[in-house]
Amino acid sequence: IKVLKEYERGVIFTLGKVSLARGIKGPGLILL
């Protein structure tokens, strides 16, 4: 569980790769 503030974004690496569709998350609650 991760929480990102309004001015933050999360770049998600899945097995070392960043998906074009789901690679950027936030703000709010993020599940990894």
Full PDB file with SEQRES, HELIX, SHEET, SSBOND, CRYST1, ORIGX, SCALE, CONECT and MASTER records, all heavy atoms in Angstrom:
SEQRES   1 A   32  ILE LYS VAL LEU LYS GLU TYR GLU ARG GLY VAL ILE PHE          
SEQRES   2 A   32  THR LEU GLY LYS VAL SER LEU ALA ARG GLY ILE LYS GLY          
SEQRES   3 A   32  PRO GLY LEU ILE LEU LEU                                      
SHEET    1 AA1 2 LYS A   2  LEU A   4  0                                        
SHEET    2 AA1 2 GLY A  28  ILE A  30 -1                                        
SHEET    1 AA2 2 GLY A  10  VAL A  11  0                                        
SHEET    2 AA2 2 ILE A  24  LYS A  25 -1                                        
CRYST1    1.000    1.000    1.000  90.00  90.00  90.00 P 1           1          
ORIGX1      1.000000  0.000000  0.000000        0.00000                         
ORIGX2      0.000000  1.000000  0.000000        0.00000                         
ORIGX3      0.000000  0.000000  1.000000        0.00000                         
SCALE1      1.000000  0.000000  0.000000        0.00000                         
SCALE2      0.000000  1.000000  0.000000        0.00000                         
SCALE3      0.000000  0.000000  1.000000        0.00000                         
ATOM      1  N   ILE A   1       0.845  -1.203   0.000  1.00  0.00           N  
ATOM      2  CA  ILE A   1       0.000   0.000   0.000  1.00  0.00           C  
ATOM      3  C   ILE A   1       0.881   1.255   0.000  1.00  0.00           C  
ATOM      4  O   ILE A   1       1.723   1.428   0.888  1.00  0.00           O  
ATOM      5  CB  ILE A   1      -0.935   0.004   1.220  1.00  0.00           C  
ATOM      6  CG1 ILE A   1      -1.832  -1.228   1.201  1.00  0.00           C  
ATOM      7  CG2 ILE A   1      -1.781   1.280   1.234  1.00  0.00           C  
ATOM      8  CD1 ILE A   1      -2.688  -1.386   2.437  1.00  0.00           C  
ATOM      9  N   LYS A   2       0.688   2.113  -0.971  1.00  0.00           N  
ATOM     10  CA  LYS A   2       1.391   3.392  -1.074  1.00  0.00           C  
ATOM     11  C   LYS A   2       0.367   4.503  -1.249  1.00  0.00           C  
ATOM     12  O   LYS A   2      -0.672   4.301  -1.893  1.00  0.00           O  
ATOM     13  CB  LYS A   2       2.368   3.409  -2.260  1.00  0.00           C  
ATOM     14  CG  LYS A   2       3.437   2.321  -2.210  1.00  0.00           C  
ATOM     15  CD  LYS A   2       4.427   2.546  -1.092  1.00  0.00           C  
ATOM     16  CE  LYS A   2       5.520   1.491  -1.121  1.00  0.00           C  
ATOM     17  NZ  LYS A   2       6.512   1.673  -0.031  1.00  0.00           N  
ATOM     18  N   VAL A   3       0.675   5.662  -0.704  1.00  0.00           N  
ATOM     19  CA  VAL A   3      -0.196   6.832  -0.836  1.00  0.00           C  
ATOM     20  C   VAL A   3       0.612   7.973  -1.444  1.00  0.00           C  
ATOM     21  O   VAL A   3       1.672   8.352  -0.907  1.00  0.00           O  
ATOM     22  CB  VAL A   3      -0.775   7.272   0.527  1.00  0.00           C  
ATOM     23  CG1 VAL A   3      -1.631   8.533   0.354  1.00  0.00           C  
ATOM     24  CG2 VAL A   3      -1.617   6.153   1.126  1.00  0.00           C  
ATOM     25  N   LEU A   4       0.125   8.488  -2.560  1.00  0.00           N  
ATOM     26  CA  LEU A   4       0.791   9.592  -3.244  1.00  0.00           C  
ATOM     27  C   LEU A   4       0.010  10.886  -3.027  1.00  0.00           C  
ATOM     28  O   LEU A   4      -1.229  10.882  -3.111  1.00  0.00           O  
ATOM     29  CB  LEU A   4       0.907   9.306  -4.746  1.00  0.00           C  
ATOM     30  CG  LEU A   4       1.765   8.106  -5.139  1.00  0.00           C  
ATOM     31  CD1 LEU A   4       1.764   7.943  -6.651  1.00  0.00           C  
ATOM     32  CD2 LEU A   4       3.179   8.251  -4.617  1.00  0.00           C  
ATOM     33  N   LYS A   5       0.736  11.975  -2.756  1.00  0.00           N  
ATOM     34  CA  LYS A   5       0.094  13.277  -2.556  1.00  0.00           C  
ATOM     35  C   LYS A   5      -0.393  13.844  -3.893  1.00  0.00           C  
ATOM     36  O   LYS A   5      -0.077  13.317  -4.961  1.00  0.00           O  
ATOM     37  CB  LYS A   5       1.077  14.241  -1.904  1.00  0.00           C  
ATOM     38  CG  LYS A   5       1.532  13.808  -0.515  1.00  0.00           C  
ATOM     39  CD  LYS A   5       2.473  14.835   0.079  1.00  0.00           C  
ATOM     40  CE  LYS A   5       2.906  14.452   1.487  1.00  0.00           C  
ATOM     41  NZ  LYS A   5       3.692  13.202   1.527  1.00  0.00           N  
ATOM     42  N   GLU A   6      -1.137  14.931  -3.809  1.00  0.00           N  
ATOM     43  CA  GLU A   6      -1.735  15.524  -5.005  1.00  0.00           C  
ATOM     44  C   GLU A   6      -0.692  15.935  -6.029  1.00  0.00           C  
ATOM     45  O   GLU A   6      -0.923  15.869  -7.236  1.00  0.00           O  
ATOM     46  CB  GLU A   6      -2.585  16.734  -4.614  1.00  0.00           C  
ATOM     47  CG  GLU A   6      -3.322  17.394  -5.765  1.00  0.00           C  
ATOM     48  CD  GLU A   6      -4.407  16.519  -6.354  1.00  0.00           C  
ATOM     49  OE1 GLU A   6      -4.971  15.690  -5.606  1.00  0.00           O  
ATOM     50  OE2 GLU A   6      -4.683  16.648  -7.555  1.00  0.00           O  
ATOM     51  N   TYR A   7       0.485  16.384  -5.572  1.00  0.00           N  
ATOM     52  CA  TYR A   7       1.524  16.868  -6.473  1.00  0.00           C  
ATOM     53  C   TYR A   7       2.537  15.785  -6.825  1.00  0.00           C  
ATOM     54  O   TYR A   7       3.579  16.083  -7.423  1.00  0.00           O  
ATOM     55  CB  TYR A   7       2.253  18.060  -5.860  1.00  0.00           C  
ATOM     56  CG  TYR A   7       2.828  17.799  -4.470  1.00  0.00           C  
ATOM     57  CD1 TYR A   7       4.060  17.175  -4.311  1.00  0.00           C  
ATOM     58  CD2 TYR A   7       2.125  18.164  -3.336  1.00  0.00           C  
ATOM     59  CE1 TYR A   7       4.588  16.925  -3.065  1.00  0.00           C  
ATOM     60  CE2 TYR A   7       2.640  17.925  -2.081  1.00  0.00           C  
ATOM     61  CZ  TYR A   7       3.858  17.311  -1.938  1.00  0.00           C  
ATOM     62  OH  TYR A   7       4.371  17.061  -0.696  1.00  0.00           O  
ATOM     63  N   GLU A   8       2.261  14.522  -6.471  1.00  0.00           N  
ATOM     64  CA  GLU A   8       3.193  13.429  -6.748  1.00  0.00           C  
ATOM     65  C   GLU A   8       2.598  12.449  -7.757  1.00  0.00           C  
ATOM     66  O   GLU A   8       1.381  12.245  -7.814  1.00  0.00           O  
ATOM     67  CB  GLU A   8       3.542  12.674  -5.459  1.00  0.00           C  
ATOM     68  CG  GLU A   8       4.364  13.474  -4.478  1.00  0.00           C  
ATOM     69  CD  GLU A   8       4.659  12.691  -3.211  1.00  0.00           C  
ATOM     70  OE1 GLU A   8       3.850  11.796  -2.860  1.00  0.00           O  
ATOM     71  OE2 GLU A   8       5.682  12.976  -2.566  1.00  0.00           O  
ATOM     72  N   ARG A   9       3.479  11.848  -8.527  1.00  0.00           N  
ATOM     73  CA  ARG A   9       3.103  10.767  -9.425  1.00  0.00           C  
ATOM     74  C   ARG A   9       4.104   9.631  -9.234  1.00  0.00           C  
ATOM     75  O   ARG A   9       5.271   9.857  -8.895  1.00  0.00           O  
ATOM     76  CB  ARG A   9       3.099  11.218 -10.888  1.00  0.00           C  
ATOM     77  CG  ARG A   9       2.099  12.308 -11.209  1.00  0.00           C  
ATOM     78  CD  ARG A   9       0.667  11.825 -11.076  1.00  0.00           C  
ATOM     79  NE  ARG A   9      -0.277  12.859 -11.461  1.00  0.00           N  
ATOM     80  CZ  ARG A   9      -0.754  13.776 -10.632  1.00  0.00           C  
ATOM     81  NH1 ARG A   9      -0.358  13.789  -9.368  1.00  0.00           N  
ATOM     82  NH2 ARG A   9      -1.632  14.668 -11.064  1.00  0.00           N  
ATOM     83  N   GLY A  10       3.630   8.395  -9.482  1.00  0.00           N  
ATOM     84  CA  GLY A  10       4.497   7.237  -9.336  1.00  0.00           C  
ATOM     85  C   GLY A  10       4.722   6.538 -10.659  1.00  0.00           C  
ATOM     86  O   GLY A  10       3.767   6.211 -11.372  1.00  0.00           O  
ATOM     87  N   VAL A  11       5.989   6.340 -10.999  1.00  0.00           N  
ATOM     88  CA  VAL A  11       6.346   5.579 -12.201  1.00  0.00           C  
ATOM     89  C   VAL A  11       6.506   4.118 -11.769  1.00  0.00           C  
ATOM     90  O   VAL A  11       7.395   3.793 -10.972  1.00  0.00           O  
ATOM     91  CB  VAL A  11       7.630   6.124 -12.848  1.00  0.00           C  
ATOM     92  CG1 VAL A  11       7.985   5.320 -14.093  1.00  0.00           C  
ATOM     93  CG2 VAL A  11       7.472   7.591 -13.193  1.00  0.00           C  
ATOM     94  N   ILE A  12       5.641   3.243 -12.276  1.00  0.00           N  
ATOM     95  CA  ILE A  12       5.591   1.852 -11.846  1.00  0.00           C  
ATOM     96  C   ILE A  12       6.410   0.975 -12.783  1.00  0.00           C  
ATOM     97  O   ILE A  12       6.160   0.931 -13.994  1.00  0.00           O  
ATOM     98  CB  ILE A  12       4.133   1.343 -11.796  1.00  0.00           C  
ATOM     99  CG1 ILE A  12       3.254   2.316 -10.992  1.00  0.00           C  
ATOM    100  CG2 ILE A  12       4.078  -0.053 -11.206  1.00  0.00           C  
ATOM    101  CD1 ILE A  12       3.689   2.503  -9.565  1.00  0.00           C  
ATOM    102  N   PHE A  13       7.386   0.250 -12.210  1.00  0.00           N  
ATOM    103  CA  PHE A  13       8.185  -0.719 -12.956  1.00  0.00           C  
ATOM    104  C   PHE A  13       7.655  -2.109 -12.625  1.00  0.00           C  
ATOM    105  O   PHE A  13       7.669  -2.536 -11.459  1.00  0.00           O  
ATOM    106  CB  PHE A  13       9.657  -0.625 -12.575  1.00  0.00           C  
ATOM    107  CG  PHE A  13      10.352   0.602 -13.087  1.00  0.00           C  
ATOM    108  CD1 PHE A  13      10.279   1.798 -12.388  1.00  0.00           C  
ATOM    109  CD2 PHE A  13      11.068   0.560 -14.269  1.00  0.00           C  
ATOM    110  CE1 PHE A  13      10.921   2.935 -12.853  1.00  0.00           C  
ATOM    111  CE2 PHE A  13      11.715   1.689 -14.746  1.00  0.00           C  
ATOM    112  CZ  PHE A  13      11.640   2.879 -14.037  1.00  0.00           C  
ATOM    113  N   THR A  14       7.172  -2.803 -13.635  1.00  0.00           N  
ATOM    114  CA  THR A  14       6.709  -4.175 -13.475  1.00  0.00           C  
ATOM    115  C   THR A  14       7.692  -5.108 -14.164  1.00  0.00           C  
ATOM    116  O   THR A  14       7.828  -5.081 -15.400  1.00  0.00           O  
ATOM    117  CB  THR A  14       5.307  -4.351 -14.079  1.00  0.00           C  
ATOM    118  OG1 THR A  14       4.404  -3.420 -13.471  1.00  0.00           O  
ATOM    119  CG2 THR A  14       4.805  -5.766 -13.852  1.00  0.00           C  
ATOM    120  N   LEU A  15       8.413  -5.881 -13.346  1.00  0.00           N  
ATOM    121  CA  LEU A  15       9.492  -6.738 -13.851  1.00  0.00           C  
ATOM    122  C   LEU A  15      10.487  -5.928 -14.686  1.00  0.00           C  
ATOM    123  O   LEU A  15      10.983  -6.373 -15.731  1.00  0.00           O  
ATOM    124  CB  LEU A  15       8.923  -7.903 -14.678  1.00  0.00           C  
ATOM    125  CG  LEU A  15       8.039  -8.897 -13.904  1.00  0.00           C  
ATOM    126  CD1 LEU A  15       7.480  -9.957 -14.849  1.00  0.00           C  
ATOM    127  CD2 LEU A  15       8.836  -9.542 -12.783  1.00  0.00           C  
ATOM    128  N   GLY A  16      10.772  -4.720 -14.230  1.00  0.00           N  
ATOM    129  CA  GLY A  16      11.758  -3.865 -14.875  1.00  0.00           C  
ATOM    130  C   GLY A  16      11.252  -3.052 -16.033  1.00  0.00           C  
ATOM    131  O   GLY A  16      12.013  -2.265 -16.618  1.00  0.00           O  
ATOM    132  N   LYS A  17       9.961  -3.201 -16.391  1.00  0.00           N  
ATOM    133  CA  LYS A  17       9.400  -2.478 -17.522  1.00  0.00           C  
ATOM    134  C   LYS A  17       8.330  -1.504 -17.044  1.00  0.00           C  
ATOM    135  O   LYS A  17       7.680  -1.727 -16.025  1.00  0.00           O  
ATOM    136  CB  LYS A  17       8.798  -3.448 -18.540  1.00  0.00           C  
ATOM    137  CG  LYS A  17       9.807  -4.391 -19.181  1.00  0.00           C  
ATOM    138  CD  LYS A  17       9.131  -5.289 -20.202  1.00  0.00           C  
ATOM    139  CE  LYS A  17      10.139  -6.225 -20.864  1.00  0.00           C  
ATOM    140  NZ  LYS A  17       9.499  -7.096 -21.880  1.00  0.00           N  
ATOM    141  N   VAL A  18       8.159  -0.429 -17.837  1.00  0.00           N  
ATOM    142  CA  VAL A  18       7.132   0.571 -17.549  1.00  0.00           C  
ATOM    143  C   VAL A  18       6.081   0.482 -18.640  1.00  0.00           C  
ATOM    144  O   VAL A  18       6.379   0.693 -19.825  1.00  0.00           O  
ATOM    145  CB  VAL A  18       7.715   1.992 -17.480  1.00  0.00           C  
ATOM    146  CG1 VAL A  18       6.604   3.014 -17.241  1.00  0.00           C  
ATOM    147  CG2 VAL A  18       8.757   2.078 -16.377  1.00  0.00           C  
ATOM    148  N   SER A  19       4.867   0.162 -18.250  1.00  0.00           N  
ATOM    149  CA  SER A  19       3.776   0.044 -19.209  1.00  0.00           C  
ATOM    150  C   SER A  19       3.301   1.428 -19.642  1.00  0.00           C  
ATOM    151  O   SER A  19       3.208   2.349 -18.824  1.00  0.00           O  
ATOM    152  CB  SER A  19       2.607  -0.728 -18.589  1.00  0.00           C  
ATOM    153  OG  SER A  19       1.476  -0.714 -19.441  1.00  0.00           O  
ATOM    154  N   LEU A  20       3.019   1.564 -20.941  1.00  0.00           N  
ATOM    155  CA  LEU A  20       2.525   2.848 -21.438  1.00  0.00           C  
ATOM    156  C   LEU A  20       1.145   3.174 -20.890  1.00  0.00           C  
ATOM    157  O   LEU A  20       0.819   4.336 -20.641  1.00  0.00           O  
ATOM    158  CB  LEU A  20       2.490   2.826 -22.972  1.00  0.00           C  
ATOM    159  CG  LEU A  20       3.835   2.748 -23.693  1.00  0.00           C  
ATOM    160  CD1 LEU A  20       3.624   2.644 -25.200  1.00  0.00           C  
ATOM    161  CD2 LEU A  20       4.678   3.977 -23.366  1.00  0.00           C  
ATOM    162  N   ALA A  21       0.334   2.172 -20.681  1.00  0.00           N  
ATOM    163  CA  ALA A  21      -1.037   2.404 -20.226  1.00  0.00           C  
ATOM    164  C   ALA A  21      -1.121   2.553 -18.712  1.00  0.00           C  
ATOM    165  O   ALA A  21      -1.849   3.403 -18.200  1.00  0.00           O  
ATOM    166  CB  ALA A  21      -1.943   1.258 -20.692  1.00  0.00           C  
ATOM    167  N   ARG A  22      -0.376   1.723 -17.981  1.00  0.00           N  
ATOM    168  CA  ARG A  22      -0.484   1.704 -16.518  1.00  0.00           C  
ATOM    169  C   ARG A  22       0.835   2.028 -15.842  1.00  0.00           C  
ATOM    170  O   ARG A  22       1.025   1.680 -14.672  1.00  0.00           O  
ATOM    171  CB  ARG A  22      -0.982   0.335 -16.061  1.00  0.00           C  
ATOM    172  CG  ARG A  22      -2.357  -0.041 -16.622  1.00  0.00           C  
ATOM    173  CD  ARG A  22      -2.782  -1.402 -16.135  1.00  0.00           C  
ATOM    174  NE  ARG A  22      -4.099  -1.775 -16.675  1.00  0.00           N  
ATOM    175  CZ  ARG A  22      -4.720  -2.917 -16.392  1.00  0.00           C  
ATOM    176  NH1 ARG A  22      -4.128  -3.816 -15.600  1.00  0.00           N  
ATOM    177  NH2 ARG A  22      -5.899  -3.176 -16.924  1.00  0.00           N  
ATOM    178  N   GLY A  23       1.700   2.675 -16.546  1.00  0.00           N  
ATOM    179  CA  GLY A  23       3.022   2.951 -15.962  1.00  0.00           C  
ATOM    180  C   GLY A  23       3.050   4.126 -15.007  1.00  0.00           C  
ATOM    181  O   GLY A  23       3.977   4.250 -14.202  1.00  0.00           O  
ATOM    182  N   ILE A  24       2.045   5.013 -15.072  1.00  0.00           N  
ATOM    183  CA  ILE A  24       2.003   6.195 -14.218  1.00  0.00           C  
ATOM    184  C   ILE A  24       0.782   6.091 -13.302  1.00  0.00           C  
ATOM    185  O   ILE A  24      -0.338   5.905 -13.767  1.00  0.00           O  
ATOM    186  CB  ILE A  24       1.932   7.495 -15.049  1.00  0.00           C  
ATOM    187  CG1 ILE A  24       3.058   7.521 -16.084  1.00  0.00           C  
ATOM    188  CG2 ILE A  24       1.999   8.710 -14.149  1.00  0.00           C  
ATOM    189  CD1 ILE A  24       4.443   7.478 -15.491  1.00  0.00           C  
ATOM    190  N   LYS A  25       1.009   6.221 -12.004  1.00  0.00           N  
ATOM    191  CA  LYS A  25      -0.058   6.140 -11.016  1.00  0.00           C  
ATOM    192  C   LYS A  25      -0.072   7.405 -10.145  1.00  0.00           C  
ATOM    193  O   LYS A  25       0.942   8.067  -9.973  1.00  0.00           O  
ATOM    194  CB  LYS A  25       0.130   4.917 -10.107  1.00  0.00           C  
ATOM    195  CG  LYS A  25       0.111   3.581 -10.826  1.00  0.00           C  
ATOM    196  CD  LYS A  25      -1.266   3.239 -11.362  1.00  0.00           C  
ATOM    197  CE  LYS A  25      -1.289   1.850 -11.967  1.00  0.00           C  
ATOM    198  NZ  LYS A  25      -2.626   1.466 -12.473  1.00  0.00           N  
ATOM    199  N   GLY A  26      -1.273   7.642  -9.553  1.00  0.00           N  
ATOM    200  CA  GLY A  26      -1.402   8.726  -8.593  1.00  0.00           C  
ATOM    201  C   GLY A  26      -2.236   9.878  -9.127  1.00  0.00           C  
ATOM    202  O   GLY A  26      -2.523   9.952 -10.323  1.00  0.00           O  
ATOM    203  N   PRO A  27      -2.644  10.754  -8.210  1.00  0.00           N  
ATOM    204  CA  PRO A  27      -2.421  10.687  -6.753  1.00  0.00           C  
ATOM    205  C   PRO A  27      -3.429   9.778  -6.068  1.00  0.00           C  
ATOM    206  O   PRO A  27      -4.392   9.340  -6.690  1.00  0.00           O  
ATOM    207  CB  PRO A  27      -2.597  12.139  -6.331  1.00  0.00           C  
ATOM    208  CG  PRO A  27      -3.600  12.691  -7.309  1.00  0.00           C  
ATOM    209  CD  PRO A  27      -3.318  12.006  -8.617  1.00  0.00           C  
ATOM    210  N   GLY A  28      -3.219   9.527  -4.753  1.00  0.00           N  
ATOM    211  CA  GLY A  28      -4.133   8.694  -3.987  1.00  0.00           C  
ATOM    212  C   GLY A  28      -3.502   7.381  -3.568  1.00  0.00           C  
ATOM    213  O   GLY A  28      -2.284   7.263  -3.419  1.00  0.00           O  
ATOM    214  N   LEU A  29      -4.355   6.378  -3.363  1.00  0.00           N  
ATOM    215  CA  LEU A  29      -3.916   5.067  -2.881  1.00  0.00           C  
ATOM    216  C   LEU A  29      -3.417   4.211  -4.044  1.00  0.00           C  
ATOM    217  O   LEU A  29      -4.092   4.057  -5.056  1.00  0.00           O  
ATOM    218  CB  LEU A  29      -5.077   4.357  -2.170  1.00  0.00           C  
ATOM    219  CG  LEU A  29      -4.763   3.005  -1.523  1.00  0.00           C  
ATOM    220  CD1 LEU A  29      -3.786   3.185  -0.373  1.00  0.00           C  
ATOM    221  CD2 LEU A  29      -6.048   2.342  -1.040  1.00  0.00           C  
ATOM    222  N   ILE A  30      -2.226   3.632  -3.862  1.00  0.00           N  
ATOM    223  CA  ILE A  30      -1.614   2.793  -4.892  1.00  0.00           C  
ATOM    224  C   ILE A  30      -1.333   1.421  -4.279  1.00  0.00           C  
ATOM    225  O   ILE A  30      -0.813   1.317  -3.158  1.00  0.00           O  
ATOM    226  CB  ILE A  30      -0.301   3.415  -5.418  1.00  0.00           C  
ATOM    227  CG1 ILE A  30      -0.539   4.851  -5.889  1.00  0.00           C  
ATOM    228  CG2 ILE A  30       0.281   2.572  -6.537  1.00  0.00           C  
ATOM    229  CD1 ILE A  30      -1.512   4.984  -7.025  1.00  0.00           C  
ATOM    230  N   LEU A  31      -1.652   0.364  -5.023  1.00  0.00           N  
ATOM    231  CA  LEU A  31      -1.377  -1.000  -4.589  1.00  0.00           C  
ATOM    232  C   LEU A  31      -0.281  -1.579  -5.472  1.00  0.00           C  
ATOM    233  O   LEU A  31      -0.384  -1.567  -6.708  1.00  0.00           O  
ATOM    234  CB  LEU A  31      -2.641  -1.871  -4.677  1.00  0.00           C  
ATOM    235  CG  LEU A  31      -3.811  -1.433  -3.790  1.00  0.00           C  
ATOM    236  CD1 LEU A  31      -5.005  -2.365  -4.001  1.00  0.00           C  
ATOM    237  CD2 LEU A  31      -3.401  -1.422  -2.323  1.00  0.00           C  
ATOM    238  N   LEU A  32       0.762  -2.111  -4.837  1.00  0.00           N  
ATOM    239  CA  LEU A  32       1.888  -2.695  -5.553  1.00  0.00           C  
ATOM    240  C   LEU A  32       2.039  -4.161  -5.177  1.00  0.00           C  
ATOM    241  O   LEU A  32       1.725  -4.572  -4.054  1.00  0.00           O  
ATOM    242  CB  LEU A  32       3.189  -1.950  -5.210  1.00  0.00           C  
ATOM    243  CG  LEU A  32       3.271  -0.462  -5.552  1.00  0.00           C  
ATOM    244  CD1 LEU A  32       4.592   0.114  -5.074  1.00  0.00           C  
ATOM    245  CD2 LEU A  32       3.111  -0.251  -7.050  1.00  0.00           C  
TER     246      LEU A  32                                                      
MASTER        0    0    0    0    4    0    0    6  245    1    0    3          
END                                                                             
